[in-house]
Amino acid sequence: MTILGIDTSSAACSAALCRDGKLLGETVMNSALTHSQTIMPAVEALLEKEGLTPNDVNVFAAVAGPGSFTGVRIGVCAVKALCLAAGRPCARVDALEAIAEGAAYEGLISPILDARRDQVYTALFRREGGKLSRVWEDRAEKLDELLNSLPADETVYFTGDGLNTYEGRIREKMGERALSAPMHLRVLRASAACLIAMTRPETIMDGSRLTPAYLRLPQAERERNERLGKSAP
């Protein structure tokens, strides 16, 4: 089975091409260009390198969020268009699960993404015997709320680009119970999305059903609701 994975949910974006469990190629970009400018050329280059077209892909894997509202929309729309053009299904991949899948750690794993306003997108996973299982569902919450709700007697491995902002505060709060992924392993990779699509058939659906996972309202709507709340009697 040939799977093409796309992620544009955060500051970095990536595309990966896998066949029968083998990674054929992957591109990770973190430049000043917008994802709408970079992701499709990356996809075209990966396919061209292998002499393939979108019609040769069996499943398109989309990282559907949570993450940047604009970024998530770009990736979801790109995959929906590819599914429509090629007549193929897609896999709807959770960003936090994909990040945790890329963490080579046995024990508790907490992926965190910076959601602004001192909030993070986060979840909690556990890897035992190489198998990843979910402990908490995805949530958007204050960093301190997350840290206070983690088990007090276990070491937690943190990963995700939220570490770039909050690593110091996490270590101050948790001390030696907090482990941090190295810089090069904090970025979500589209190859992890391909792995999830390959091993989790329940994520596969018709491309027309693919929707973003935002967890909270866009900033403009939140600010509008705040204004309405302040002006309400």
Protein backbone atom coordinates (compact mmCIF):
# COMPACT_ATOMS: atom_id res chain seq x y z
CA MET A 1 0.00 0.00 0.00
CA THR A 2 1.29 3.46 -0.93
CA ILE A 3 0.50 6.30 1.50
CA LEU A 4 1.18 9.99 1.06
CA GLY A 5 1.15 11.99 4.31
CA ILE A 6 0.77 15.76 4.64
CA ASP A 7 1.17 17.96 7.73
CA THR A 8 0.75 21.74 7.77
CA SER A 9 -0.64 22.05 11.29
CA SER A 10 2.23 23.99 12.90
CA ALA A 11 5.16 26.27 12.06
CA ALA A 12 6.95 23.47 10.25
CA CYS A 13 5.25 21.46 7.52
CA SER A 14 6.14 18.12 5.98
CA ALA A 15 5.20 15.57 3.35
CA ALA A 16 6.12 11.90 3.32
CA LEU A 17 5.68 8.98 0.95
CA CYS A 18 5.56 5.40 2.24
CA ARG A 19 5.01 2.05 0.54
CA ASP A 20 4.40 -1.26 2.32
CA GLY A 21 5.88 0.03 5.57
CA LYS A 22 8.97 1.55 3.96
CA LEU A 23 9.64 5.29 3.99
CA LEU A 24 10.44 6.27 0.40
CA GLY A 25 11.00 9.95 1.07
CA GLU A 26 10.17 12.81 3.39
CA THR A 27 10.50 16.59 3.24
CA VAL A 28 10.36 18.82 6.32
CA MET A 29 10.24 22.60 5.86
CA ASN A 30 10.37 25.41 8.38
CA SER A 31 10.87 28.54 6.28
CA ALA A 32 9.42 32.02 6.00
CA LEU A 33 7.21 30.87 3.12
CA THR A 34 3.60 29.98 3.85
CA HIS A 35 2.51 26.35 3.81
CA SER A 36 0.25 27.07 0.85
CA GLN A 37 3.39 27.94 -1.12
CA THR A 38 5.52 24.98 -0.07
CA ILE A 39 3.42 21.87 0.58
CA MET A 40 2.21 21.03 -2.94
CA PRO A 41 5.64 21.48 -4.57
CA ALA A 42 7.00 19.14 -1.89
CA VAL A 43 4.30 16.58 -2.66
CA GLU A 44 4.96 16.82 -6.40
CA ALA A 45 8.71 16.38 -5.88
CA LEU A 46 8.23 13.25 -3.73
CA LEU A 47 5.91 11.65 -6.28
CA GLU A 48 8.12 12.60 -9.22
CA LYS A 49 11.19 11.10 -7.54
CA GLU A 50 9.44 7.72 -7.41
CA GLY A 51 7.87 8.04 -10.85
CA LEU A 52 4.38 8.19 -9.35
CA THR A 53 1.26 10.31 -9.74
CA PRO A 54 -1.55 10.93 -7.22
CA ASN A 55 -3.46 8.09 -8.93
CA ASP A 56 -0.77 5.66 -7.69
CA VAL A 57 -1.41 6.56 -4.05
CA ASN A 58 -3.78 4.29 -2.12
CA VAL A 59 -4.40 6.54 0.89
CA PHE A 60 -3.69 10.22 1.56
CA ALA A 61 -2.99 10.89 5.25
CA ALA A 62 -3.91 14.34 6.56
CA VAL A 63 -2.88 15.74 9.93
CA ALA A 64 -6.20 17.37 10.78
CA GLY A 65 -5.19 19.21 13.95
CA PRO A 66 -5.19 20.52 16.55
CA GLY A 67 -2.77 23.26 15.63
CA SER A 68 -2.63 26.50 13.68
CA PHE A 69 -6.11 27.27 12.34
CA THR A 70 -4.79 28.46 8.98
CA GLY A 71 -2.23 25.68 8.74
CA VAL A 72 -4.75 22.95 9.51
CA ARG A 73 -7.12 24.29 6.84
CA ILE A 74 -4.34 24.30 4.23
CA GLY A 75 -3.46 20.65 4.84
CA VAL A 76 -7.04 19.46 5.02
CA CYS A 77 -7.99 21.27 1.82
CA ALA A 78 -4.91 19.92 0.01
CA VAL A 79 -5.73 16.33 0.94
CA LYS A 80 -9.42 16.72 0.10
CA ALA A 81 -8.41 17.98 -3.36
CA LEU A 82 -5.99 15.08 -3.88
CA CYS A 83 -8.63 12.55 -2.79
CA LEU A 84 -11.15 14.05 -5.20
CA ALA A 85 -8.72 14.14 -8.11
CA ALA A 86 -7.41 10.60 -7.59
CA GLY A 87 -10.61 8.99 -6.34
CA ARG A 88 -8.84 7.72 -3.23
CA PRO A 89 -9.69 7.75 0.50
CA CYS A 90 -7.84 9.61 3.23
CA ALA A 91 -6.79 8.98 6.81
CA ARG A 92 -7.68 11.64 9.38
CA VAL A 93 -4.67 11.80 11.72
CA ASP A 94 -4.57 13.53 15.10
CA ALA A 95 -1.58 15.87 15.39
CA LEU A 96 -0.85 15.09 19.04
CA GLU A 97 -0.98 11.35 18.44
CA ALA A 98 1.39 11.72 15.49
CA ILE A 99 3.86 13.66 17.63
CA ALA A 100 3.68 11.04 20.38
CA GLU A 101 4.12 8.27 17.81
CA GLY A 102 7.45 9.82 16.86
CA ALA A 103 8.71 9.78 20.45
CA ALA A 104 11.04 6.84 21.10
CA TYR A 105 10.21 6.63 24.80
CA GLU A 106 8.68 3.91 26.98
CA GLY A 107 6.34 5.45 29.55
CA LEU A 108 4.16 8.54 29.74
CA ILE A 109 4.38 10.93 26.78
CA SER A 110 2.83 14.40 26.76
CA PRO A 111 2.92 16.17 23.38
CA ILE A 112 2.35 19.91 23.67
CA LEU A 113 1.71 22.54 21.03
CA ASP A 114 1.72 26.27 21.77
CA ALA A 115 -1.91 27.47 21.55
CA ARG A 116 -1.07 31.06 22.59
CA ARG A 117 -2.44 32.97 25.60
CA ASP A 118 -0.50 30.67 27.95
CA GLN A 119 -2.47 27.67 26.65
CA VAL A 120 -1.30 24.44 25.05
CA TYR A 121 -2.89 21.78 22.93
CA THR A 122 -2.05 18.56 24.69
CA ALA A 123 -2.92 14.94 25.38
CA LEU A 124 -1.33 12.10 27.32
CA PHE A 125 -0.14 8.78 25.92
CA ARG A 126 1.68 5.76 27.29
CA ARG A 127 4.04 3.51 25.38
CA GLU A 128 4.54 0.01 26.73
CA GLY A 129 6.33 -2.72 24.83
CA GLY A 130 6.56 -0.41 21.85
CA LYS A 131 2.78 0.03 21.64
CA LEU A 132 1.30 3.52 22.04
CA SER A 133 -2.02 3.93 23.86
CA ARG A 134 -4.00 7.02 24.73
CA VAL A 135 -4.47 8.05 28.38
CA TRP A 136 -6.18 11.44 27.86
CA GLU A 137 -8.15 12.84 24.99
CA ASP A 138 -6.94 16.02 23.27
CA ARG A 139 -7.54 19.24 25.17
CA ALA A 140 -6.69 22.93 25.11
CA GLU A 141 -5.80 24.25 28.55
CA LYS A 142 -3.50 26.47 30.55
CA LEU A 143 0.00 25.09 30.97
CA ASP A 144 -0.28 25.11 34.78
CA GLU A 145 -3.55 23.16 34.58
CA LEU A 146 -1.80 20.52 32.52
CA LEU A 147 1.16 20.25 34.87
CA ASN A 148 -1.09 20.04 37.94
CA SER A 149 -3.12 17.21 36.43
CA LEU A 150 -0.19 14.96 35.51
CA PRO A 151 0.57 11.95 37.74
CA ALA A 152 2.70 13.10 40.68
CA ASP A 153 4.70 9.87 40.92
CA GLU A 154 5.76 9.27 37.31
CA THR A 155 8.28 10.72 34.91
CA VAL A 156 6.72 12.38 31.86
CA TYR A 157 8.42 12.76 28.47
CA PHE A 158 7.43 16.06 26.83
CA THR A 159 7.62 16.61 23.12
CA GLY A 160 6.20 18.96 20.50
CA ASP A 161 7.08 22.52 19.53
CA GLY A 162 5.40 23.88 22.68
CA LEU A 163 8.62 22.92 24.44
CA ASN A 164 10.36 25.76 22.64
CA THR A 165 8.19 28.16 24.64
CA TYR A 166 7.49 26.34 27.90
CA GLU A 167 10.40 24.01 28.62
CA GLY A 168 11.78 26.24 31.38
CA ARG A 169 8.46 26.45 33.21
CA ILE A 170 7.91 22.72 32.92
CA ARG A 171 11.30 21.95 34.45
CA GLU A 172 10.76 24.53 37.20
CA LYS A 173 7.46 22.87 38.14
CA MET A 174 8.35 19.19 37.72
CA GLY A 175 12.12 19.04 38.16
CA GLU A 176 13.63 15.65 37.37
CA ARG A 177 10.22 14.15 36.62
CA ALA A 178 10.18 16.06 33.32
CA LEU A 179 12.13 14.78 30.33
CA SER A 180 12.33 16.81 27.13
CA ALA A 181 12.62 15.57 23.57
CA PRO A 182 15.72 16.86 21.78
CA MET A 183 15.14 19.71 19.34
CA HIS A 184 15.16 17.56 16.19
CA LEU A 185 12.47 15.21 17.56
CA ARG A 186 9.96 17.89 18.60
CA VAL A 187 8.66 18.49 15.08
CA LEU A 188 5.66 16.55 13.83
CA ARG A 189 6.67 14.49 10.81
CA ALA A 190 4.33 13.40 8.05
CA SER A 191 5.93 9.94 8.16
CA ALA A 192 4.28 9.45 11.57
CA ALA A 193 0.94 10.27 9.92
CA CYS A 194 1.68 7.60 7.31
CA LEU A 195 2.41 5.06 10.07
CA ILE A 196 -0.90 5.82 11.79
CA ALA A 197 -2.78 5.50 8.51
CA MET A 198 -1.10 2.16 7.88
CA THR A 199 -1.78 0.68 11.33
CA ARG A 200 -5.11 2.33 12.21
CA PRO A 201 -7.69 1.42 9.52
CA GLU A 202 -10.41 3.16 11.54
CA THR A 203 -8.85 6.51 10.61
CA ILE A 204 -9.50 5.94 6.90
CA MET A 205 -12.55 7.64 5.35
CA ASP A 206 -13.88 9.18 2.19
CA GLY A 207 -12.14 12.46 1.46
CA SER A 208 -15.45 14.34 1.50
CA ARG A 209 -15.78 13.55 5.22
CA LEU A 210 -12.40 14.99 6.20
CA THR A 211 -12.76 17.88 8.65
CA PRO A 212 -10.30 19.89 10.78
CA ALA A 213 -9.93 19.32 14.54
CA TYR A 214 -9.66 22.74 16.15
CA LEU A 215 -10.43 22.08 19.88
CA ARG A 216 -11.39 25.73 20.35
CA LEU A 217 -12.88 28.61 18.38
CA PRO A 218 -10.65 30.73 16.12
CA GLN A 219 -9.21 33.86 17.74
CA ALA A 220 -11.59 36.24 15.93
CA GLU A 221 -14.61 34.36 17.25
CA ARG A 222 -13.18 34.16 20.77
CA GLU A 223 -12.52 37.92 20.80
CA ARG A 224 -16.01 38.60 19.48
CA ASN A 225 -17.55 36.44 22.22
CA GLU A 226 -15.44 38.22 24.83
CA ARG A 227 -16.67 41.59 23.58
CA LEU A 228 -20.26 40.43 23.67
CA GLY A 229 -19.78 39.05 27.14
CA LYS A 230 -18.35 42.32 28.42
CA SER A 231 -21.18 44.33 26.95
CA ALA A 232 -23.88 41.99 28.21
CA PRO A 233 -25.87 43.15 31.22
